[in-house]
Amino acid sequence: ELTYLGVIIDAELKFASQVNKVARSIGSAVNALRYLKTVLSQDALIKFFHAHIQSHINYAGFVFMRCRSIDIERLQRLQNKALKIIFGLHDMHSTSELFKTEAKYILPVSGLIYYSSIIMTRKCVTSYDGSLPRISRLRSLRKSDLLLTSAKKKVLIDDLTHYGCKLYNQLPNEIKTENVFLLFKKD
């Protein structure tokens, strides 16, 4: 294992140690939320959530794209637990309802992974510097689509150059052609 810029990289690029590190940090913050709930307002708790929980998930979020689904589910359970504490919901409250009503401006972990992948792909397309050579600037059937590289091995299906391009192609054209990056990110 190697730690680079705070991300633990293992030999198989499964990032299990990174997930463990993030889960421990989030778990500590969730425990702190239980105590802070009695003394802080909901707005302050949400700020605490973004600073001490969501920031750990956001940092190098596209790395989680290579993780096992069980690891992503683990992070999702911790995120759900924190949000349920903040909004005073019972543990059995529906997670889908949680993100539709109370936490509608917060992305679930899988949504953050998709978001990070699309943003990274967009950056590679708009400021192409050769760092990801398999992202083709050639267009496929639709003018604004990226040409998908074929994933010859199962492991390459999760590769940013395949997965990110696939997600990017699913975006509406008005978002893909947005010139200002902050507006693209907002949409």
N, C-alpha and C. Protein backbone atom coordinates (compact mmCIF):
# COMPACT_ATOMS: atom_id res chain seq x y z
N GLU A 1 0.83 -1.19 0.00
CA GLU A 1 0.00 0.00 0.00
C GLU A 1 0.87 1.25 0.00
N LEU A 2 0.33 2.28 -0.60
CA LEU A 2 1.02 3.55 -0.71
C LEU A 2 0.00 4.65 -0.42
N THR A 3 0.40 5.62 0.37
CA THR A 3 -0.47 6.77 0.63
C THR A 3 0.05 7.95 -0.18
N TYR A 4 -0.81 8.46 -1.03
CA TYR A 4 -0.46 9.59 -1.87
C TYR A 4 -1.57 10.63 -1.79
N LEU A 5 -1.23 11.83 -1.33
CA LEU A 5 -2.19 12.92 -1.15
C LEU A 5 -3.38 12.50 -0.28
N GLY A 6 -3.10 11.68 0.71
CA GLY A 6 -4.14 11.27 1.65
C GLY A 6 -4.99 10.11 1.18
N VAL A 7 -4.70 9.57 0.01
CA VAL A 7 -5.46 8.43 -0.52
C VAL A 7 -4.58 7.20 -0.44
N ILE A 8 -5.11 6.14 0.16
CA ILE A 8 -4.36 4.89 0.29
C ILE A 8 -4.61 4.06 -0.96
N ILE A 9 -3.53 3.77 -1.67
CA ILE A 9 -3.60 3.01 -2.92
C ILE A 9 -3.03 1.63 -2.67
N ASP A 10 -3.81 0.60 -3.02
CA ASP A 10 -3.33 -0.77 -2.85
C ASP A 10 -2.94 -1.35 -4.21
N ALA A 11 -2.34 -2.52 -4.19
CA ALA A 11 -1.80 -3.14 -5.40
C ALA A 11 -2.87 -3.49 -6.43
N GLU A 12 -4.09 -3.78 -5.97
CA GLU A 12 -5.16 -4.17 -6.89
C GLU A 12 -6.09 -3.02 -7.24
N LEU A 13 -5.81 -1.84 -6.73
CA LEU A 13 -6.64 -0.64 -6.93
C LEU A 13 -8.09 -0.87 -6.54
N LYS A 14 -8.29 -1.56 -5.43
CA LYS A 14 -9.64 -1.78 -4.89
C LYS A 14 -9.98 -0.76 -3.82
N PHE A 15 -8.98 -0.08 -3.29
CA PHE A 15 -9.12 1.01 -2.32
C PHE A 15 -9.88 0.60 -1.05
N ALA A 16 -9.75 -0.65 -0.64
CA ALA A 16 -10.41 -1.11 0.58
C ALA A 16 -9.86 -0.41 1.81
N SER A 17 -8.57 -0.18 1.86
CA SER A 17 -7.97 0.53 3.00
C SER A 17 -8.42 1.98 3.04
N GLN A 18 -8.60 2.58 1.88
CA GLN A 18 -9.11 3.96 1.83
C GLN A 18 -10.53 4.01 2.37
N VAL A 19 -11.34 3.04 2.01
CA VAL A 19 -12.72 2.98 2.51
C VAL A 19 -12.71 2.81 4.02
N ASN A 20 -11.84 1.93 4.53
CA ASN A 20 -11.74 1.74 5.99
C ASN A 20 -11.35 3.03 6.69
N LYS A 21 -10.39 3.74 6.12
CA LYS A 21 -9.95 5.01 6.70
C LYS A 21 -11.09 6.03 6.72
N VAL A 22 -11.79 6.15 5.61
CA VAL A 22 -12.91 7.09 5.52
C VAL A 22 -14.03 6.67 6.45
N ALA A 23 -14.32 5.38 6.51
CA ALA A 23 -15.40 4.89 7.38
C ALA A 23 -15.09 5.16 8.85
N ARG A 24 -13.84 5.00 9.25
CA ARG A 24 -13.47 5.30 10.65
C ARG A 24 -13.67 6.78 10.95
N SER A 25 -13.25 7.63 10.03
CA SER A 25 -13.40 9.08 10.23
C SER A 25 -14.88 9.47 10.30
N ILE A 26 -15.66 8.93 9.38
CA ILE A 26 -17.09 9.24 9.37
C ILE A 26 -17.77 8.68 10.61
N GLY A 27 -17.38 7.47 11.03
CA GLY A 27 -17.96 6.86 12.23
C GLY A 27 -17.73 7.72 13.46
N SER A 28 -16.55 8.27 13.59
CA SER A 28 -16.26 9.16 14.72
C SER A 28 -17.13 10.42 14.67
N ALA A 29 -17.30 10.95 13.47
CA ALA A 29 -18.13 12.15 13.31
C ALA A 29 -19.59 11.86 13.60
N VAL A 30 -20.06 10.67 13.23
CA VAL A 30 -21.45 10.28 13.52
C VAL A 30 -21.66 10.19 15.03
N ASN A 31 -20.70 9.62 15.73
CA ASN A 31 -20.79 9.56 17.19
C ASN A 31 -20.82 10.96 17.80
N ALA A 32 -20.02 11.86 17.26
CA ALA A 32 -20.01 13.23 17.75
C ALA A 32 -21.35 13.91 17.47
N LEU A 33 -21.96 13.59 16.33
CA LEU A 33 -23.27 14.17 15.99
C LEU A 33 -24.33 13.83 17.05
N ARG A 34 -24.28 12.62 17.57
CA ARG A 34 -25.26 12.20 18.60
C ARG A 34 -25.21 13.14 19.80
N TYR A 35 -24.02 13.55 20.19
CA TYR A 35 -23.87 14.45 21.34
C TYR A 35 -24.16 15.90 20.96
N LEU A 36 -23.76 16.29 19.77
CA LEU A 36 -23.95 17.66 19.34
C LEU A 36 -25.41 17.99 19.04
N LYS A 37 -26.20 16.97 18.76
CA LYS A 37 -27.62 17.15 18.43
C LYS A 37 -28.36 17.91 19.53
N THR A 38 -27.94 17.70 20.77
CA THR A 38 -28.63 18.33 21.89
C THR A 38 -28.25 19.79 22.09
N VAL A 39 -27.12 20.22 21.54
CA VAL A 39 -26.66 21.59 21.80
C VAL A 39 -26.59 22.48 20.56
N LEU A 40 -26.62 21.91 19.36
CA LEU A 40 -26.50 22.70 18.14
C LEU A 40 -27.83 22.74 17.37
N SER A 41 -28.00 23.80 16.60
CA SER A 41 -29.18 23.90 15.73
C SER A 41 -29.00 22.96 14.53
N GLN A 42 -30.10 22.75 13.81
CA GLN A 42 -30.04 21.88 12.64
C GLN A 42 -29.10 22.46 11.57
N ASP A 43 -29.10 23.77 11.40
CA ASP A 43 -28.19 24.39 10.43
C ASP A 43 -26.72 24.15 10.80
N ALA A 44 -26.42 24.25 12.08
CA ALA A 44 -25.04 24.00 12.53
C ALA A 44 -24.68 22.53 12.36
N LEU A 45 -25.64 21.64 12.59
CA LEU A 45 -25.39 20.20 12.39
C LEU A 45 -25.12 19.88 10.92
N ILE A 46 -25.84 20.54 10.04
CA ILE A 46 -25.62 20.32 8.61
C ILE A 46 -24.24 20.83 8.20
N LYS A 47 -23.82 21.95 8.75
CA LYS A 47 -22.46 22.45 8.47
C LYS A 47 -21.41 21.47 9.00
N PHE A 48 -21.66 20.93 10.19
CA PHE A 48 -20.76 19.92 10.75
C PHE A 48 -20.72 18.69 9.83
N PHE A 49 -21.88 18.28 9.33
CA PHE A 49 -21.98 17.14 8.41
C PHE A 49 -21.12 17.38 7.17
N HIS A 50 -21.25 18.55 6.57
CA HIS A 50 -20.47 18.84 5.36
C HIS A 50 -18.97 18.91 5.65
N ALA A 51 -18.61 19.44 6.80
CA ALA A 51 -17.19 19.60 7.13
C ALA A 51 -16.53 18.29 7.55
N HIS A 52 -17.25 17.45 8.29
CA HIS A 52 -16.61 16.28 8.89
C HIS A 52 -17.05 14.94 8.32
N ILE A 53 -18.07 14.92 7.49
CA ILE A 53 -18.53 13.66 6.91
C ILE A 53 -18.49 13.72 5.39
N GLN A 54 -19.24 14.65 4.82
CA GLN A 54 -19.33 14.73 3.36
C GLN A 54 -17.98 15.06 2.73
N SER A 55 -17.17 15.85 3.40
CA SER A 55 -15.86 16.20 2.84
C SER A 55 -14.97 14.96 2.67
N HIS A 56 -15.09 13.99 3.57
CA HIS A 56 -14.30 12.75 3.45
C HIS A 56 -14.75 11.93 2.24
N ILE A 57 -16.05 11.97 1.97
CA ILE A 57 -16.58 11.23 0.82
C ILE A 57 -16.23 11.97 -0.48
N ASN A 58 -16.30 13.28 -0.45
CA ASN A 58 -16.04 14.08 -1.65
C ASN A 58 -14.58 14.03 -2.08
N TYR A 59 -13.67 13.97 -1.11
CA TYR A 59 -12.25 14.03 -1.45
C TYR A 59 -11.87 12.80 -2.27
N ALA A 60 -11.47 13.02 -3.48
CA ALA A 60 -11.11 11.94 -4.41
C ALA A 60 -12.25 10.94 -4.56
N GLY A 61 -13.46 11.46 -4.71
CA GLY A 61 -14.65 10.61 -4.82
C GLY A 61 -14.62 9.65 -5.98
N PHE A 62 -13.97 10.04 -7.07
CA PHE A 62 -13.91 9.14 -8.23
C PHE A 62 -13.10 7.87 -7.93
N VAL A 63 -12.28 7.91 -6.86
CA VAL A 63 -11.52 6.72 -6.46
C VAL A 63 -12.47 5.60 -6.02
N PHE A 64 -13.58 5.99 -5.41
CA PHE A 64 -14.54 4.99 -4.92
C PHE A 64 -15.22 4.23 -6.05
N MET A 65 -15.09 4.72 -7.26
CA MET A 65 -15.67 4.04 -8.41
C MET A 65 -15.07 2.63 -8.56
N ARG A 66 -13.86 2.43 -8.09
CA ARG A 66 -13.19 1.13 -8.20
C ARG A 66 -13.47 0.21 -7.02
N CYS A 67 -14.20 0.69 -6.02
CA CYS A 67 -14.45 -0.09 -4.81
C CYS A 67 -15.54 -1.13 -5.01
N ARG A 68 -15.51 -2.11 -4.13
CA ARG A 68 -16.56 -3.12 -4.15
C ARG A 68 -17.87 -2.48 -3.71
N SER A 69 -18.98 -3.03 -4.17
CA SER A 69 -20.29 -2.46 -3.82
C SER A 69 -20.54 -2.53 -2.32
N ILE A 70 -20.01 -3.55 -1.65
CA ILE A 70 -20.19 -3.67 -0.21
C ILE A 70 -19.50 -2.52 0.53
N ASP A 71 -18.37 -2.04 0.01
CA ASP A 71 -17.68 -0.91 0.61
C ASP A 71 -18.46 0.38 0.41
N ILE A 72 -19.04 0.55 -0.77
CA ILE A 72 -19.86 1.74 -1.04
C ILE A 72 -21.09 1.72 -0.14
N GLU A 73 -21.70 0.56 0.02
CA GLU A 73 -22.87 0.44 0.89
C GLU A 73 -22.52 0.77 2.34
N ARG A 74 -21.33 0.42 2.76
CA ARG A 74 -20.88 0.74 4.11
C ARG A 74 -20.81 2.25 4.31
N LEU A 75 -20.22 2.95 3.35
CA LEU A 75 -20.16 4.41 3.43
C LEU A 75 -21.56 5.02 3.36
N GLN A 76 -22.42 4.43 2.53
CA GLN A 76 -23.79 4.93 2.40
C GLN A 76 -24.56 4.78 3.72
N ARG A 77 -24.39 3.66 4.40
CA ARG A 77 -25.06 3.46 5.70
C ARG A 77 -24.62 4.50 6.71
N LEU A 78 -23.32 4.82 6.72
CA LEU A 78 -22.82 5.84 7.64
C LEU A 78 -23.38 7.22 7.29
N GLN A 79 -23.42 7.54 6.01
CA GLN A 79 -23.99 8.81 5.59
C GLN A 79 -25.47 8.89 5.98
N ASN A 80 -26.21 7.81 5.75
CA ASN A 80 -27.63 7.76 6.12
C ASN A 80 -27.83 7.96 7.61
N LYS A 81 -27.00 7.29 8.39
CA LYS A 81 -27.10 7.38 9.85
C LYS A 81 -26.89 8.82 10.31
N ALA A 82 -25.90 9.48 9.73
CA ALA A 82 -25.62 10.87 10.11
C ALA A 82 -26.80 11.77 9.76
N LEU A 83 -27.34 11.61 8.56
CA LEU A 83 -28.47 12.46 8.14
C LEU A 83 -29.71 12.20 8.98
N LYS A 84 -29.94 10.95 9.35
CA LYS A 84 -31.10 10.64 10.19
C LYS A 84 -30.96 11.26 11.58
N ILE A 85 -29.74 11.30 12.08
CA ILE A 85 -29.51 11.96 13.38
C ILE A 85 -29.79 13.46 13.25
N ILE A 86 -29.29 14.07 12.20
CA ILE A 86 -29.46 15.52 12.00
C ILE A 86 -30.92 15.89 11.88
N PHE A 87 -31.68 15.12 11.11
CA PHE A 87 -33.08 15.46 10.86
C PHE A 87 -34.04 14.81 11.86
N GLY A 88 -33.49 14.11 12.86
CA GLY A 88 -34.31 13.53 13.91
C GLY A 88 -35.23 12.43 13.43
N LEU A 89 -34.75 11.61 12.52
CA LEU A 89 -35.55 10.53 11.95
C LEU A 89 -35.21 9.20 12.61
N HIS A 90 -36.17 8.31 12.61
CA HIS A 90 -35.98 6.98 13.16
C HIS A 90 -35.06 6.17 12.24
N ASP A 91 -34.35 5.21 12.80
CA ASP A 91 -33.43 4.38 12.01
C ASP A 91 -34.12 3.64 10.87
N MET A 92 -35.41 3.36 11.04
CA MET A 92 -36.14 2.60 10.02
C MET A 92 -36.74 3.50 8.93
N HIS A 93 -36.52 4.79 9.02
CA HIS A 93 -37.04 5.72 8.01
C HIS A 93 -36.44 5.37 6.65
N SER A 94 -37.25 5.46 5.62
CA SER A 94 -36.83 5.12 4.26
C SER A 94 -35.69 6.04 3.78
N THR A 95 -34.65 5.43 3.28
CA THR A 95 -33.51 6.19 2.78
C THR A 95 -33.87 6.97 1.53
N SER A 96 -34.67 6.37 0.66
CA SER A 96 -35.06 7.09 -0.56
C SER A 96 -35.89 8.33 -0.22
N GLU A 97 -36.74 8.22 0.78
CA GLU A 97 -37.52 9.38 1.24
C GLU A 97 -36.61 10.43 1.87
N LEU A 98 -35.59 9.98 2.57
CA LEU A 98 -34.64 10.89 3.20
C LEU A 98 -34.02 11.82 2.18
N PHE A 99 -33.58 11.25 1.04
CA PHE A 99 -32.92 12.06 0.02
C PHE A 99 -33.91 12.82 -0.86
N LYS A 100 -35.18 12.46 -0.82
CA LYS A 100 -36.19 13.19 -1.59
C LYS A 100 -36.75 14.37 -0.81
N THR A 101 -36.78 14.27 0.51
CA THR A 101 -37.44 15.32 1.29
C THR A 101 -36.44 16.13 2.11
N GLU A 102 -35.94 15.58 3.19
CA GLU A 102 -35.09 16.33 4.12
C GLU A 102 -33.72 16.67 3.52
N ALA A 103 -33.07 15.70 2.94
CA ALA A 103 -31.70 15.90 2.44
C ALA A 103 -31.68 16.00 0.92
N LYS A 104 -32.61 16.75 0.35
CA LYS A 104 -32.73 16.79 -1.10
C LYS A 104 -31.57 17.51 -1.80
N TYR A 105 -30.76 18.27 -1.06
CA TYR A 105 -29.62 18.95 -1.67
C TYR A 105 -28.31 18.23 -1.38
N ILE A 106 -28.40 17.02 -0.85
CA ILE A 106 -27.21 16.22 -0.55
C ILE A 106 -27.25 14.97 -1.42
N LEU A 107 -26.16 14.69 -2.09
CA LEU A 107 -26.09 13.50 -2.93
C LEU A 107 -25.72 12.28 -2.10
N PRO A 108 -26.36 11.13 -2.36
CA PRO A 108 -25.90 9.90 -1.72
C PRO A 108 -24.51 9.53 -2.25
N VAL A 109 -23.87 8.58 -1.60
CA VAL A 109 -22.50 8.20 -1.95
C VAL A 109 -22.39 7.80 -3.42
N SER A 110 -23.29 6.97 -3.91
CA SER A 110 -23.22 6.55 -5.32
C SER A 110 -23.41 7.75 -6.25
N GLY A 111 -24.26 8.69 -5.88
CA GLY A 111 -24.43 9.90 -6.67
C GLY A 111 -23.17 10.74 -6.71
N LEU A 112 -22.45 10.78 -5.58
CA LEU A 112 -21.19 11.52 -5.53
C LEU A 112 -20.13 10.87 -6.41
N ILE A 113 -20.15 9.55 -6.48
CA ILE A 113 -19.20 8.83 -7.34
C ILE A 113 -19.48 9.16 -8.80
N TYR A 114 -20.76 9.11 -9.20
CA TYR A 114 -21.14 9.48 -10.57
C TYR A 114 -20.74 10.91 -10.87
N TYR A 115 -21.05 11.79 -9.94
CA TYR A 115 -20.77 13.21 -10.09
C TYR A 115 -19.27 13.45 -10.27
N SER A 116 -18.45 12.83 -9.43
CA SER A 116 -17.00 12.98 -9.53
C SER A 116 -16.48 12.45 -10.86
N SER A 117 -17.03 11.34 -11.32
CA SER A 117 -16.60 10.75 -12.60
C SER A 117 -16.94 11.66 -13.76
N ILE A 118 -18.13 12.23 -13.74
CA ILE A 118 -18.54 13.11 -14.83
C ILE A 118 -17.71 14.39 -14.82
N ILE A 119 -17.47 14.94 -13.65
CA ILE A 119 -16.66 16.16 -13.55
C ILE A 119 -15.24 15.90 -14.05
N MET A 120 -14.65 14.76 -13.64
CA MET A 120 -13.30 14.43 -14.10
C MET A 120 -13.27 14.25 -15.61
N THR A 121 -14.27 13.59 -16.16
CA THR A 121 -14.33 13.41 -17.62
C THR A 121 -14.47 14.75 -18.31
N ARG A 122 -15.32 15.60 -17.78
CA ARG A 122 -15.51 16.93 -18.37
C ARG A 122 -14.19 17.72 -18.37
N LYS A 123 -13.45 17.64 -17.27
CA LYS A 123 -12.17 18.34 -17.20
C LYS A 123 -11.20 17.80 -18.25
N CYS A 124 -11.20 16.49 -18.43
CA CYS A 124 -10.30 15.88 -19.43
C CYS A 124 -10.69 16.28 -20.84
N VAL A 125 -11.98 16.42 -21.08
CA VAL A 125 -12.44 16.77 -22.42
C VAL A 125 -12.16 18.23 -22.72
N THR A 126 -12.40 19.11 -21.75
CA THR A 126 -12.25 20.53 -22.01
C THR A 126 -10.80 21.00 -21.96
N SER A 127 -9.98 20.38 -21.14
CA SER A 127 -8.57 20.77 -21.06
C SER A 127 -7.71 19.53 -21.27
N TYR A 128 -7.84 18.97 -22.42
CA TYR A 128 -7.15 17.73 -22.74
C TYR A 128 -5.65 17.94 -22.74
N ASP A 129 -4.98 17.20 -21.87
CA ASP A 129 -3.53 17.33 -21.78
C ASP A 129 -2.82 16.00 -21.99
N GLY A 130 -3.54 15.00 -22.42
CA GLY A 130 -2.93 13.71 -22.70
C GLY A 130 -2.81 12.82 -21.48
N SER A 131 -3.30 13.25 -20.32
CA SER A 131 -3.15 12.44 -19.12
C SER A 131 -4.01 11.18 -19.16
N LEU A 132 -5.10 11.21 -19.88
CA LEU A 132 -5.94 10.03 -20.05
C LEU A 132 -6.07 9.76 -21.55
N PRO A 133 -5.09 9.10 -22.14
CA PRO A 133 -5.03 9.01 -23.60
C PRO A 133 -6.17 8.23 -24.24
N ARG A 134 -6.86 7.39 -23.47
CA ARG A 134 -7.92 6.61 -24.11
C ARG A 134 -9.23 7.36 -24.22
N ILE A 135 -9.35 8.54 -23.59
CA ILE A 135 -10.54 9.35 -23.82
C ILE A 135 -10.38 9.98 -25.18
N SER A 136 -11.23 9.59 -26.08
CA SER A 136 -11.10 10.05 -27.46
C SER A 136 -11.84 11.36 -27.65
N ARG A 137 -11.24 12.25 -28.40
CA ARG A 137 -11.91 13.49 -28.74
C ARG A 137 -12.77 13.28 -29.98
N LEU A 138 -12.70 12.09 -30.55
CA LEU A 138 -13.57 11.79 -31.68
C LEU A 138 -15.00 11.67 -31.17
N ARG A 139 -15.93 11.95 -31.99
CA ARG A 139 -17.33 11.89 -31.59
C ARG A 139 -17.97 10.62 -32.13
N SER A 140 -18.97 10.15 -31.42
CA SER A 140 -19.66 8.95 -31.87
C SER A 140 -20.94 9.37 -32.61
N LEU A 141 -22.00 8.62 -32.49
CA LEU A 141 -23.20 8.86 -33.27
C LEU A 141 -23.77 10.27 -33.07
N ARG A 142 -23.93 10.67 -31.79
CA ARG A 142 -24.38 12.04 -31.54
C ARG A 142 -23.16 12.94 -31.51
N LYS A 143 -23.31 14.13 -32.00
CA LYS A 143 -22.18 15.05 -32.14
C LYS A 143 -21.46 15.31 -30.81
N SER A 144 -22.23 15.39 -29.71
CA SER A 144 -21.62 15.76 -28.44
C SER A 144 -21.16 14.56 -27.61
N ASP A 145 -21.33 13.35 -28.12
CA ASP A 145 -20.92 12.16 -27.37
C ASP A 145 -19.44 11.87 -27.55
N LEU A 146 -18.86 11.30 -26.51
CA LEU A 146 -17.50 10.82 -26.60
C LEU A 146 -17.51 9.40 -27.13
N LEU A 147 -16.50 9.04 -27.85
CA LEU A 147 -16.38 7.69 -28.36
C LEU A 147 -15.99 6.78 -27.22
N LEU A 148 -16.80 5.75 -26.97
CA LEU A 148 -16.50 4.82 -25.89
C LEU A 148 -15.45 3.83 -26.34
N THR A 149 -14.47 3.63 -25.48
CA THR A 149 -13.49 2.58 -25.75
C THR A 149 -14.10 1.27 -25.29
N SER A 150 -13.81 0.22 -26.00
CA SER A 150 -14.37 -1.07 -25.59
C SER A 150 -13.59 -1.59 -24.39
N ALA A 151 -14.33 -2.12 -23.43
CA ALA A 151 -13.71 -2.68 -22.23
C ALA A 151 -13.51 -4.17 -22.46
N LYS A 152 -12.28 -4.55 -22.77
CA LYS A 152 -11.99 -5.94 -23.11
C LYS A 152 -11.92 -6.84 -21.88
N LYS A 153 -11.64 -6.25 -20.75
CA LYS A 153 -11.58 -7.01 -19.51
C LYS A 153 -12.59 -6.44 -18.55
N LYS A 154 -13.08 -7.29 -17.66
CA LYS A 154 -14.10 -6.85 -16.71
C LYS A 154 -13.61 -5.68 -15.85
N VAL A 155 -12.33 -5.69 -15.50
CA VAL A 155 -11.79 -4.64 -14.65
C VAL A 155 -11.83 -3.27 -15.34
N LEU A 156 -11.77 -3.25 -16.65
CA LEU A 156 -11.76 -1.98 -17.39
C LEU A 156 -13.14 -1.34 -17.49
N ILE A 157 -14.20 -2.08 -17.16
CA ILE A 157 -15.54 -1.50 -17.18
C ILE A 157 -15.63 -0.37 -16.16
N ASP A 158 -14.90 -0.48 -15.05
CA ASP A 158 -14.91 0.54 -14.01
C ASP A 158 -13.88 1.63 -14.25
N ASP A 159 -13.10 1.51 -15.30
CA ASP A 159 -12.07 2.49 -15.59
C ASP A 159 -12.71 3.82 -15.97
N LEU A 160 -12.11 4.92 -15.53
CA LEU A 160 -12.66 6.25 -15.79
C LEU A 160 -12.84 6.50 -17.28
N THR A 161 -11.93 5.99 -18.09
CA THR A 161 -12.02 6.26 -19.52
C THR A 161 -13.20 5.55 -20.17
N HIS A 162 -13.72 4.51 -19.55
CA HIS A 162 -14.92 3.84 -20.07
C HIS A 162 -16.15 4.32 -19.32
N TYR A 163 -16.10 4.23 -18.01
CA TYR A 163 -17.24 4.55 -17.15
C TYR A 163 -17.57 6.04 -17.21
N GLY A 164 -16.56 6.88 -17.12
CA GLY A 164 -16.78 8.32 -17.16
C GLY A 164 -17.37 8.77 -18.49
N CYS A 165 -16.86 8.21 -19.59
CA CYS A 165 -17.38 8.56 -20.90
C CYS A 165 -18.83 8.12 -21.05
N LYS A 166 -19.14 6.95 -20.52
CA LYS A 166 -20.51 6.43 -20.59
C LYS A 166 -21.47 7.35 -19.83
N LEU A 167 -21.08 7.76 -18.64
CA LEU A 167 -21.91 8.68 -17.86
C LEU A 167 -22.03 10.04 -18.56
N TYR A 168 -20.92 10.50 -19.11
CA TYR A 168 -20.90 11.79 -19.81
C TYR A 168 -21.86 11.78 -21.00
N ASN A 169 -21.89 10.67 -21.73
CA ASN A 169 -22.77 10.56 -22.89
C ASN A 169 -24.24 10.58 -22.50
N GLN A 170 -24.55 10.21 -21.27
CA GLN A 170 -25.94 10.19 -20.82
C GLN A 170 -26.45 11.57 -20.40
N LEU A 171 -25.55 12.54 -20.28
CA LEU A 171 -25.95 13.89 -19.91
C LEU A 171 -26.73 14.55 -21.05
N PRO A 172 -27.69 15.42 -20.72
CA PRO A 172 -28.36 16.18 -21.77
C PRO A 172 -27.37 17.10 -22.51
N ASN A 173 -27.61 17.36 -23.77
CA ASN A 173 -26.69 18.15 -24.58
C ASN A 173 -26.47 19.55 -24.04
N GLU A 174 -27.51 20.17 -23.47
CA GLU A 174 -27.34 21.54 -22.98
C GLU A 174 -26.37 21.59 -21.80
N ILE A 175 -26.23 20.50 -21.06
CA ILE A 175 -25.25 20.47 -19.97
C ILE A 175 -23.86 20.21 -20.54
N LYS A 176 -23.76 19.31 -21.51
CA LYS A 176 -22.46 18.99 -22.10
C LYS A 176 -21.83 20.18 -22.80
N THR A 177 -22.64 21.01 -23.39
CA THR A 177 -22.10 22.13 -24.16
C THR A 177 -21.94 23.39 -23.33
N GLU A 178 -22.21 23.32 -22.04
CA GLU A 178 -22.04 24.48 -21.15
C GLU A 178 -20.58 24.89 -21.12
N ASN A 179 -20.30 26.16 -21.38
CA ASN A 179 -18.93 26.63 -21.46
C ASN A 179 -18.32 26.98 -20.12
N VAL A 180 -19.13 27.42 -19.18
CA VAL A 180 -18.62 27.83 -17.88
C VAL A 180 -18.65 26.61 -16.97
N PHE A 181 -17.49 26.24 -16.44
CA PHE A 181 -17.38 25.01 -15.66
C PHE A 181 -18.26 25.03 -14.41
N LEU A 182 -18.35 26.17 -13.74
CA LEU A 182 -19.17 26.24 -12.53
C LEU A 182 -20.64 26.00 -12.84
N LEU A 183 -21.12 26.47 -14.00
CA LEU A 183 -22.50 26.22 -14.40
C LEU A 183 -22.68 24.74 -14.74
N PHE A 184 -21.70 24.15 -15.39
CA PHE A 184 -21.74 22.71 -15.69
C PHE A 184 -21.84 21.92 -14.38
N LYS A 185 -21.04 22.30 -13.40
CA LYS A 185 -21.03 21.62 -12.11
C LYS A 185 -22.37 21.79 -11.42
N LYS A 186 -22.95 22.97 -11.49
CA LYS A 186 -24.23 23.25 -10.85
C LYS A 186 -25.35 22.42 -11.45
N ASP A 187 -25.36 22.29 -12.79
CA ASP A 187 -26.41 21.53 -13.47
C ASP A 187 -26.30 20.06 -13.14
